[in-house]
Amino acid sequence: MAEIRKDLITGRPGYEMVEFSRIPKKRRTQHLILSWDNSPSMNGKKNEILRKTVPELFDGLKATSDEYGLDLFIRLKKFSTDTEWIIGNETYGVPIKDASWDPSLIRDNYKGLTNIDRSIIETAKCIEARSIGGFKPKKLIDIHITDGQPTCSDEELDNAIQSLDNMTRTTRIVIAVGDNYDIEHASRIATEGTIRRVNPETGEVKTETGKLVFECKDINQLPAVINSVSTGSITNSSEDVITINDTDLWM
């Protein structure tokens, strides 16, 4: 209970002694976008992996949000020739505590291109929509999961990236799946940052700085990579630091 003290000279009520431990800490807001390549090359096992991974991912994000005091808003879009929002949209992110998943939202696509530039433009629309009244998010994380080379031109890709960067600071991460992805384009899309790999068994930490590109040649490891990268990306408030805490991903 707070205690009222009197001023020693006037005898009037003075200041209030507040028990600071009982003041709730201010929660930090974070916005996370998952951008899924839904071009024909992702058909079959890769799409099936995503359908099964999302519920586990949501559970992990909810637990991490509670642990770090975050108000996390999630969006998920799939891109091919065009981009389609399937959870949230450019104006609305779903609070992670309310997020639900329908596996039928991801289906095999038997025609279409890999226009990553249009996916990035949709991310820029989120910033635009949330900038009404002068407000802009301090940080937005966009994780692109793809297995191939963009079919858009280099100029279109660069223009999309520049348009987004002109609006606000974003953290762009690429999870490169399989053996056929284009590492050069993945590195152009991704932003610079620091990757901290923590061995849960020994506590040993390895740190590397560079483009935030995670290679996943073995698609059976894709669930672990998606979960670890997504949860590891939301825990730091000021820097582009991704903490990977998974024995299977220790390198």
C-alpha atoms as a PDB file:
ATOM      1  CA  MET A   1       0.000   0.000   0.000  1.00  0.00           C
ATOM      2  CA  ALA A   2       1.246   3.504  -0.826  1.00  0.00           C
ATOM      3  CA  GLU A   3       2.068   5.709   2.158  1.00  0.00           C
ATOM      4  CA  ILE A   4       1.177   9.431   2.404  1.00  0.00           C
ATOM      5  CA  ARG A   5       3.786  11.514   4.210  1.00  0.00           C
ATOM      6  CA  LYS A   6       3.271  15.079   5.550  1.00  0.00           C
ATOM      7  CA  ASP A   7       5.522  17.995   4.801  1.00  0.00           C
ATOM      8  CA  LEU A   8       7.648  18.588   7.946  1.00  0.00           C
ATOM      9  CA  ILE A   9       7.227  22.389   7.811  1.00  0.00           C
ATOM     10  CA  THR A  10       3.588  22.954   6.774  1.00  0.00           C
ATOM     11  CA  GLY A  11       2.099  19.730   8.096  1.00  0.00           C
ATOM     12  CA  ARG A  12       0.214  19.326   4.840  1.00  0.00           C
ATOM     13  CA  PRO A  13       0.104  16.125   2.811  1.00  0.00           C
ATOM     14  CA  GLY A  14       3.307  15.936   0.840  1.00  0.00           C
ATOM     15  CA  TYR A  15       4.501  13.140  -1.356  1.00  0.00           C
ATOM     16  CA  GLU A  16       3.464   9.564  -1.886  1.00  0.00           C
ATOM     17  CA  MET A  17       5.791   6.651  -1.247  1.00  0.00           C
ATOM     18  CA  VAL A  18       5.152   4.202  -4.071  1.00  0.00           C
ATOM     19  CA  GLU A  19       6.076   0.555  -3.959  1.00  0.00           C
ATOM     20  CA  PHE A  20       7.809   0.404  -7.342  1.00  0.00           C
ATOM     21  CA  SER A  21       7.846  -3.369  -7.405  1.00  0.00           C
ATOM     22  CA  ARG A  22       4.052  -3.248  -7.749  1.00  0.00           C
ATOM     23  CA  ILE A  23       4.077  -0.910 -10.778  1.00  0.00           C
ATOM     24  CA  PRO A  24       3.597  -3.027 -13.910  1.00  0.00           C
ATOM     25  CA  LYS A  25       6.437  -2.779 -16.391  1.00  0.00           C
ATOM     26  CA  LYS A  26       5.654  -1.175 -19.730  1.00  0.00           C
ATOM     27  CA  ARG A  27       5.205  -3.851 -22.380  1.00  0.00           C
ATOM     28  CA  ARG A  28       7.051  -3.556 -25.663  1.00  0.00           C
ATOM     29  CA  THR A  29       5.150  -3.835 -28.948  1.00  0.00           C
ATOM     30  CA  GLN A  30       6.577  -5.998 -31.732  1.00  0.00           C
ATOM     31  CA  HIS A  31       5.327  -6.756 -35.239  1.00  0.00           C
ATOM     32  CA  LEU A  32       6.341  -9.973 -37.012  1.00  0.00           C
ATOM     33  CA  ILE A  33       5.543 -10.897 -40.622  1.00  0.00           C
ATOM     34  CA  LEU A  34       6.086 -14.375 -42.071  1.00  0.00           C
ATOM     35  CA  SER A  35       6.311 -14.297 -45.881  1.00  0.00           C
ATOM     36  CA  TRP A  36       5.950 -17.753 -47.442  1.00  0.00           C
ATOM     37  CA  ASP A  37       7.060 -18.591 -50.990  1.00  0.00           C
ATOM     38  CA  ASN A  38       4.020 -20.295 -52.527  1.00  0.00           C
ATOM     39  CA  SER A  39       5.460 -20.787 -56.015  1.00  0.00           C
ATOM     40  CA  PRO A  40       5.308 -24.287 -57.616  1.00  0.00           C
ATOM     41  CA  SER A  41       8.804 -25.217 -56.399  1.00  0.00           C
ATOM     42  CA  MET A  42       7.464 -25.242 -52.823  1.00  0.00           C
ATOM     43  CA  ASN A  43       4.758 -27.795 -53.614  1.00  0.00           C
ATOM     44  CA  GLY A  44       4.575 -31.066 -51.727  1.00  0.00           C
ATOM     45  CA  LYS A  45       6.688 -31.617 -48.618  1.00  0.00           C
ATOM     46  CA  LYS A  46       7.722 -27.986 -48.103  1.00  0.00           C
ATOM     47  CA  ASN A  47       4.135 -26.745 -48.005  1.00  0.00           C
ATOM     48  CA  GLU A  48       3.165 -29.708 -45.836  1.00  0.00           C
ATOM     49  CA  ILE A  49       5.916 -28.797 -43.374  1.00  0.00           C
ATOM     50  CA  LEU A  50       4.594 -25.257 -43.063  1.00  0.00           C
ATOM     51  CA  ARG A  51       1.027 -26.436 -42.496  1.00  0.00           C
ATOM     52  CA  LYS A  52       2.224 -28.586 -39.584  1.00  0.00           C
ATOM     53  CA  THR A  53       4.752 -26.066 -38.217  1.00  0.00           C
ATOM     54  CA  VAL A  54       2.557 -23.001 -37.748  1.00  0.00           C
ATOM     55  CA  PRO A  55       0.586 -24.220 -34.658  1.00  0.00           C
ATOM     56  CA  GLU A  56       3.826 -25.111 -32.851  1.00  0.00           C
ATOM     57  CA  LEU A  57       5.314 -21.784 -33.955  1.00  0.00           C
ATOM     58  CA  PHE A  58       2.368 -19.849 -32.524  1.00  0.00           C
ATOM     59  CA  ASP A  59       2.750 -21.661 -29.188  1.00  0.00           C
ATOM     60  CA  GLY A  60       6.448 -20.759 -29.099  1.00  0.00           C
ATOM     61  CA  LEU A  61       5.781 -17.122 -29.958  1.00  0.00           C
ATOM     62  CA  LYS A  62       3.095 -16.880 -27.271  1.00  0.00           C
ATOM     63  CA  ALA A  63       5.457 -18.290 -24.634  1.00  0.00           C
ATOM     64  CA  THR A  64       8.315 -16.008 -25.717  1.00  0.00           C
ATOM     65  CA  SER A  65       6.024 -12.958 -25.715  1.00  0.00           C
ATOM     66  CA  ASP A  66       4.954 -13.702 -22.150  1.00  0.00           C
ATOM     67  CA  GLU A  67       8.537 -14.280 -21.029  1.00  0.00           C
ATOM     68  CA  TYR A  68       9.831 -11.007 -22.509  1.00  0.00           C
ATOM     69  CA  GLY A  69       6.763  -8.848 -21.816  1.00  0.00           C
ATOM     70  CA  LEU A  70       5.847  -8.309 -25.470  1.00  0.00           C
ATOM     71  CA  ASP A  71       2.625  -7.348 -27.171  1.00  0.00           C
ATOM     72  CA  LEU A  72       3.308  -9.314 -30.353  1.00  0.00           C
ATOM     73  CA  PHE A  73       1.267  -8.903 -33.517  1.00  0.00           C
ATOM     74  CA  ILE A  74       1.591 -11.564 -36.222  1.00  0.00           C
ATOM     75  CA  ARG A  75       0.925 -11.469 -39.954  1.00  0.00           C
ATOM     76  CA  LEU A  76       1.404 -14.190 -42.551  1.00  0.00           C
ATOM     77  CA  LYS A  77       1.380 -13.750 -46.332  1.00  0.00           C
ATOM     78  CA  LYS A  78       2.106 -16.051 -49.228  1.00  0.00           C
ATOM     79  CA  PHE A  79       3.664 -14.858 -52.436  1.00  0.00           C
ATOM     80  CA  SER A  80       4.016 -16.161 -55.971  1.00  0.00           C
ATOM     81  CA  THR A  81       3.083 -14.043 -58.980  1.00  0.00           C
ATOM     82  CA  ASP A  82       1.049 -11.934 -56.550  1.00  0.00           C
ATOM     83  CA  THR A  83       0.945 -11.685 -52.764  1.00  0.00           C
ATOM     84  CA  GLU A  84      -1.987 -12.698 -50.566  1.00  0.00           C
ATOM     85  CA  TRP A  85      -2.457 -12.018 -46.865  1.00  0.00           C
ATOM     86  CA  ILE A  86      -3.739 -15.100 -45.024  1.00  0.00           C
ATOM     87  CA  ILE A  87      -3.322 -13.932 -41.407  1.00  0.00           C
ATOM     88  CA  GLY A  88      -3.799 -10.223 -40.794  1.00  0.00           C
ATOM     89  CA  ASN A  89      -3.271  -7.720 -43.598  1.00  0.00           C
ATOM     90  CA  GLU A  90      -1.523  -4.439 -44.350  1.00  0.00           C
ATOM     91  CA  THR A  91      -3.633  -2.563 -41.791  1.00  0.00           C
ATOM     92  CA  TYR A  92      -4.052  -5.181 -39.076  1.00  0.00           C
ATOM     93  CA  GLY A  93      -1.754  -7.561 -37.258  1.00  0.00           C
ATOM     94  CA  VAL A  94      -3.337 -10.324 -35.173  1.00  0.00           C
ATOM     95  CA  PRO A  95      -2.353 -10.383 -31.468  1.00  0.00           C
ATOM     96  CA  ILE A  96      -0.406 -13.601 -31.013  1.00  0.00           C
ATOM     97  CA  LYS A  97      -2.654 -14.615 -28.109  1.00  0.00           C
ATOM     98  CA  ASP A  98      -5.606 -14.598 -30.532  1.00  0.00           C
ATOM     99  CA  ALA A  99      -3.861 -16.178 -33.529  1.00  0.00           C
ATOM    100  CA  SER A 100      -5.370 -19.361 -34.942  1.00  0.00           C
ATOM    101  CA  TRP A 101      -4.431 -21.523 -37.901  1.00  0.00           C
ATOM    102  CA  ASP A 102      -6.322 -23.182 -40.750  1.00  0.00           C
ATOM    103  CA  PRO A 103      -4.020 -25.587 -42.683  1.00  0.00           C
ATOM    104  CA  SER A 104      -6.108 -25.138 -45.846  1.00  0.00           C
ATOM    105  CA  LEU A 105      -4.718 -21.595 -46.130  1.00  0.00           C
ATOM    106  CA  ILE A 106      -1.551 -23.058 -47.669  1.00  0.00           C
ATOM    107  CA  ARG A 107      -2.178 -25.138 -50.779  1.00  0.00           C
ATOM    108  CA  ASP A 108       0.065 -26.329 -53.587  1.00  0.00           C
ATOM    109  CA  ASN A 109       0.275 -23.855 -56.444  1.00  0.00           C
ATOM    110  CA  TYR A 110       0.821 -25.282 -59.928  1.00  0.00           C
ATOM    111  CA  LYS A 111       1.470 -22.036 -61.738  1.00  0.00           C
ATOM    112  CA  GLY A 112       3.037 -18.773 -60.788  1.00  0.00           C
ATOM    113  CA  LEU A 113       6.313 -16.910 -60.377  1.00  0.00           C
ATOM    114  CA  THR A 114       8.530 -15.946 -57.433  1.00  0.00           C
ATOM    115  CA  ASN A 115       7.923 -12.198 -57.250  1.00  0.00           C
ATOM    116  CA  ILE A 116       9.562 -11.388 -53.929  1.00  0.00           C
ATOM    117  CA  ASP A 117       9.464  -7.683 -54.829  1.00  0.00           C
ATOM    118  CA  ARG A 118       5.659  -7.716 -54.548  1.00  0.00           C
ATOM    119  CA  SER A 119       5.903  -9.350 -51.143  1.00  0.00           C
ATOM    120  CA  ILE A 120       8.256  -6.599 -49.975  1.00  0.00           C
ATOM    121  CA  ILE A 121       5.889  -3.954 -51.372  1.00  0.00           C
ATOM    122  CA  GLU A 122       3.077  -5.479 -49.282  1.00  0.00           C
ATOM    123  CA  THR A 123       5.292  -5.122 -46.209  1.00  0.00           C
ATOM    124  CA  ALA A 124       5.785  -1.457 -47.130  1.00  0.00           C
ATOM    125  CA  LYS A 125       1.993  -1.061 -47.227  1.00  0.00           C
ATOM    126  CA  CYS A 126       1.883  -2.133 -43.571  1.00  0.00           C
ATOM    127  CA  ILE A 127       4.155   0.777 -42.710  1.00  0.00           C
ATOM    128  CA  GLU A 128       2.112   3.140 -44.873  1.00  0.00           C
ATOM    129  CA  ALA A 129      -1.171   2.089 -43.274  1.00  0.00           C
ATOM    130  CA  ARG A 130       0.223   2.381 -39.747  1.00  0.00           C
ATOM    131  CA  SER A 131       1.823   5.784 -40.475  1.00  0.00           C
ATOM    132  CA  ILE A 132      -1.517   7.642 -40.534  1.00  0.00           C
ATOM    133  CA  GLY A 133      -1.292  10.520 -38.085  1.00  0.00           C
ATOM    134  CA  GLY A 134       2.502  10.488 -38.104  1.00  0.00           C
ATOM    135  CA  PHE A 135       2.946   7.205 -36.208  1.00  0.00           C
ATOM    136  CA  LYS A 136       5.496   4.718 -37.482  1.00  0.00           C
ATOM    137  CA  PRO A 137       6.556   1.444 -35.861  1.00  0.00           C
ATOM    138  CA  LYS A 138      10.027   1.491 -34.382  1.00  0.00           C
ATOM    139  CA  LYS A 139      10.767  -1.998 -35.584  1.00  0.00           C
ATOM    140  CA  LEU A 140       9.148  -4.486 -37.921  1.00  0.00           C
ATOM    141  CA  ILE A 141      10.492  -7.970 -38.652  1.00  0.00           C
ATOM    142  CA  ASP A 142       9.807  -9.642 -42.006  1.00  0.00           C
ATOM    143  CA  ILE A 143      10.938 -13.270 -42.437  1.00  0.00           C
ATOM    144  CA  HIS A 144      10.978 -14.527 -46.026  1.00  0.00           C
ATOM    145  CA  ILE A 145      10.972 -18.302 -46.471  1.00  0.00           C
ATOM    146  CA  THR A 146      11.910 -19.251 -50.027  1.00  0.00           C
ATOM    147  CA  ASP A 147      13.660 -21.965 -52.026  1.00  0.00           C
ATOM    148  CA  GLY A 148      14.457 -20.258 -55.306  1.00  0.00           C
ATOM    149  CA  GLN A 149      15.637 -17.299 -57.285  1.00  0.00           C
ATOM    150  CA  PRO A 150      13.327 -14.278 -57.624  1.00  0.00           C
ATOM    151  CA  THR A 151      11.678 -14.018 -61.039  1.00  0.00           C
ATOM    152  CA  CYS A 152      11.366 -10.252 -60.730  1.00  0.00           C
ATOM    153  CA  SER A 153      14.165  -8.159 -62.195  1.00  0.00           C
ATOM    154  CA  ASP A 154      17.051  -6.896 -60.080  1.00  0.00           C
ATOM    155  CA  GLU A 155      15.762  -3.356 -60.611  1.00  0.00           C
ATOM    156  CA  GLU A 156      12.262  -4.276 -59.399  1.00  0.00           C
ATOM    157  CA  LEU A 157      13.712  -5.998 -56.325  1.00  0.00           C
ATOM    158  CA  ASP A 158      16.020  -3.092 -55.498  1.00  0.00           C
ATOM    159  CA  ASN A 159      13.217  -0.543 -55.947  1.00  0.00           C
ATOM    160  CA  ALA A 160      10.936  -2.502 -53.592  1.00  0.00           C
ATOM    161  CA  ILE A 161      13.672  -2.755 -50.943  1.00  0.00           C
ATOM    162  CA  GLN A 162      14.518   0.949 -51.280  1.00  0.00           C
ATOM    163  CA  SER A 163      10.848   1.913 -50.992  1.00  0.00           C
ATOM    164  CA  LEU A 164      10.552  -0.032 -47.731  1.00  0.00           C
ATOM    165  CA  ASP A 165      13.831   1.281 -46.326  1.00  0.00           C
ATOM    166  CA  ASN A 166      12.757   4.863 -47.036  1.00  0.00           C
ATOM    167  CA  MET A 167       9.730   4.423 -44.769  1.00  0.00           C
ATOM    168  CA  THR A 168      11.187   2.947 -41.622  1.00  0.00           C
ATOM    169  CA  ARG A 169      13.799   0.606 -40.233  1.00  0.00           C
ATOM    170  CA  THR A 170      12.935  -3.053 -40.765  1.00  0.00           C
ATOM    171  CA  THR A 171      14.681  -6.307 -39.973  1.00  0.00           C
ATOM    172  CA  ARG A 172      14.514  -8.586 -43.021  1.00  0.00           C
ATOM    173  CA  ILE A 173      15.473 -12.224 -42.573  1.00  0.00           C
ATOM    174  CA  VAL A 174      15.691 -14.877 -45.292  1.00  0.00           C
ATOM    175  CA  ILE A 175      15.363 -18.598 -44.610  1.00  0.00           C
ATOM    176  CA  ALA A 176      16.833 -20.199 -47.730  1.00  0.00           C
ATOM    177  CA  VAL A 177      15.377 -23.682 -48.227  1.00  0.00           C
ATOM    178  CA  GLY A 178      17.027 -26.569 -50.097  1.00  0.00           C
ATOM    179  CA  ASP A 179      19.902 -26.440 -52.584  1.00  0.00           C
ATOM    180  CA  ASN A 180      18.467 -24.323 -55.410  1.00  0.00           C
ATOM    181  CA  TYR A 181      18.054 -20.932 -53.767  1.00  0.00           C
ATOM    182  CA  ASP A 182      20.059 -17.933 -54.999  1.00  0.00           C
ATOM    183  CA  ILE A 183      22.297 -16.869 -52.105  1.00  0.00           C
ATOM    184  CA  GLU A 184      23.177 -13.581 -53.848  1.00  0.00           C
ATOM    185  CA  HIS A 185      19.539 -12.489 -54.001  1.00  0.00           C
ATOM    186  CA  ALA A 186      18.885 -13.783 -50.480  1.00  0.00           C
ATOM    187  CA  SER A 187      21.715 -11.568 -49.238  1.00  0.00           C
ATOM    188  CA  ARG A 188      20.337  -8.556 -51.104  1.00  0.00           C
ATOM    189  CA  ILE A 189      16.937  -8.981 -49.469  1.00  0.00           C
ATOM    190  CA  ALA A 190      18.236  -9.586 -45.933  1.00  0.00           C
ATOM    191  CA  THR A 191      19.457  -6.815 -43.656  1.00  0.00           C
ATOM    192  CA  GLU A 192      22.671  -6.826 -41.641  1.00  0.00           C
ATOM    193  CA  GLY A 193      22.592  -8.149 -38.113  1.00  0.00           C
ATOM    194  CA  THR A 194      24.119 -10.400 -35.480  1.00  0.00           C
ATOM    195  CA  ILE A 195      23.353 -14.086 -35.045  1.00  0.00           C
ATOM    196  CA  ARG A 196      23.993 -15.574 -31.592  1.00  0.00           C
ATOM    197  CA  ARG A 197      23.970 -19.367 -31.502  1.00  0.00           C
ATOM    198  CA  VAL A 198      23.605 -20.735 -27.986  1.00  0.00           C
ATOM    199  CA  ASN A 199      24.252 -24.369 -27.183  1.00  0.00           C
ATOM    200  CA  PRO A 200      21.537 -25.204 -24.610  1.00  0.00           C
ATOM    201  CA  GLU A 201      23.544 -28.151 -23.292  1.00  0.00           C
ATOM    202  CA  THR A 202      26.841 -26.367 -22.615  1.00  0.00           C
ATOM    203  CA  GLY A 203      25.892 -22.679 -22.603  1.00  0.00           C
ATOM    204  CA  GLU A 204      28.596 -21.962 -25.173  1.00  0.00           C
ATOM    205  CA  VAL A 205      27.836 -18.990 -27.448  1.00  0.00           C
ATOM    206  CA  LYS A 206      29.018 -18.372 -30.997  1.00  0.00           C
ATOM    207  CA  THR A 207      28.435 -14.955 -32.546  1.00  0.00           C
ATOM    208  CA  GLU A 208      28.566 -13.979 -36.194  1.00  0.00           C
ATOM    209  CA  THR A 209      27.785 -10.682 -37.899  1.00  0.00           C
ATOM    210  CA  GLY A 210      26.545 -10.277 -41.461  1.00  0.00           C
ATOM    211  CA  LYS A 211      23.458 -10.699 -43.573  1.00  0.00           C
ATOM    212  CA  LEU A 212      20.551 -12.359 -41.752  1.00  0.00           C
ATOM    213  CA  VAL A 213      20.342 -15.363 -44.080  1.00  0.00           C
ATOM    214  CA  PHE A 214      19.731 -18.829 -42.620  1.00  0.00           C
ATOM    215  CA  GLU A 215      20.485 -21.759 -44.922  1.00  0.00           C
ATOM    216  CA  CYS A 216      18.324 -24.841 -44.511  1.00  0.00           C
ATOM    217  CA  LYS A 217      19.558 -27.430 -46.982  1.00  0.00           C
ATOM    218  CA  ASP A 218      17.815 -30.290 -45.166  1.00  0.00           C
ATOM    219  CA  ILE A 219      14.094 -29.518 -45.364  1.00  0.00           C
ATOM    220  CA  ASN A 220      13.475 -31.883 -42.438  1.00  0.00           C
ATOM    221  CA  GLN A 221      15.136 -29.222 -40.284  1.00  0.00           C
ATOM    222  CA  LEU A 222      12.834 -26.496 -41.607  1.00  0.00           C
ATOM    223  CA  PRO A 223      10.413 -26.581 -38.606  1.00  0.00           C
ATOM    224  CA  ALA A 224      13.314 -26.105 -36.173  1.00  0.00           C
ATOM    225  CA  VAL A 225      14.766 -23.272 -38.259  1.00  0.00           C
ATOM    226  CA  ILE A 226      11.429 -21.456 -38.626  1.00  0.00           C
ATOM    227  CA  ASN A 227      10.671 -21.788 -34.901  1.00  0.00           C
ATOM    228  CA  SER A 228      14.134 -20.790 -33.695  1.00  0.00           C
ATOM    229  CA  VAL A 229      14.579 -17.856 -36.067  1.00  0.00           C
ATOM    230  CA  SER A 230      11.070 -16.493 -35.455  1.00  0.00           C
ATOM    231  CA  THR A 231      11.195 -16.670 -31.654  1.00  0.00           C
ATOM    232  CA  GLY A 232      14.850 -15.581 -31.597  1.00  0.00           C
ATOM    233  CA  SER A 233      14.084 -12.470 -33.647  1.00  0.00           C
ATOM    234  CA  ILE A 234      11.631 -10.853 -31.207  1.00  0.00           C
ATOM    235  CA  THR A 235      13.612 -10.954 -27.977  1.00  0.00           C
ATOM    236  CA  ASN A 236      15.886  -7.935 -28.529  1.00  0.00           C
ATOM    237  CA  SER A 237      14.475  -4.410 -28.497  1.00  0.00           C
ATOM    238  CA  SER A 238      17.197  -2.244 -30.014  1.00  0.00           C
ATOM    239  CA  GLU A 239      19.497  -4.211 -32.292  1.00  0.00           C
ATOM    240  CA  ASP A 240      19.167  -6.731 -35.118  1.00  0.00           C
ATOM    241  CA  VAL A 241      20.227  -9.657 -32.954  1.00  0.00           C
ATOM    242  CA  ILE A 242      18.818 -13.135 -33.570  1.00  0.00           C
ATOM    243  CA  THR A 243      19.383 -15.661 -30.789  1.00  0.00           C
ATOM    244  CA  ILE A 244      19.254 -19.309 -31.863  1.00  0.00           C
ATOM    245  CA  ASN A 245      18.850 -21.581 -28.863  1.00  0.00           C
ATOM    246  CA  ASP A 246      18.571 -25.071 -30.338  1.00  0.00           C
ATOM    247  CA  THR A 247      20.977 -28.003 -30.059  1.00  0.00           C
ATOM    248  CA  ASP A 248      20.084 -29.237 -33.568  1.00  0.00           C
ATOM    249  CA  LEU A 249      21.063 -25.851 -35.054  1.00  0.00           C
ATOM    250  CA  TRP A 250      24.316 -25.507 -33.118  1.00  0.00           C
ATOM    251  CA  MET A 251      27.136 -24.991 -35.615  1.00  0.00           C
END
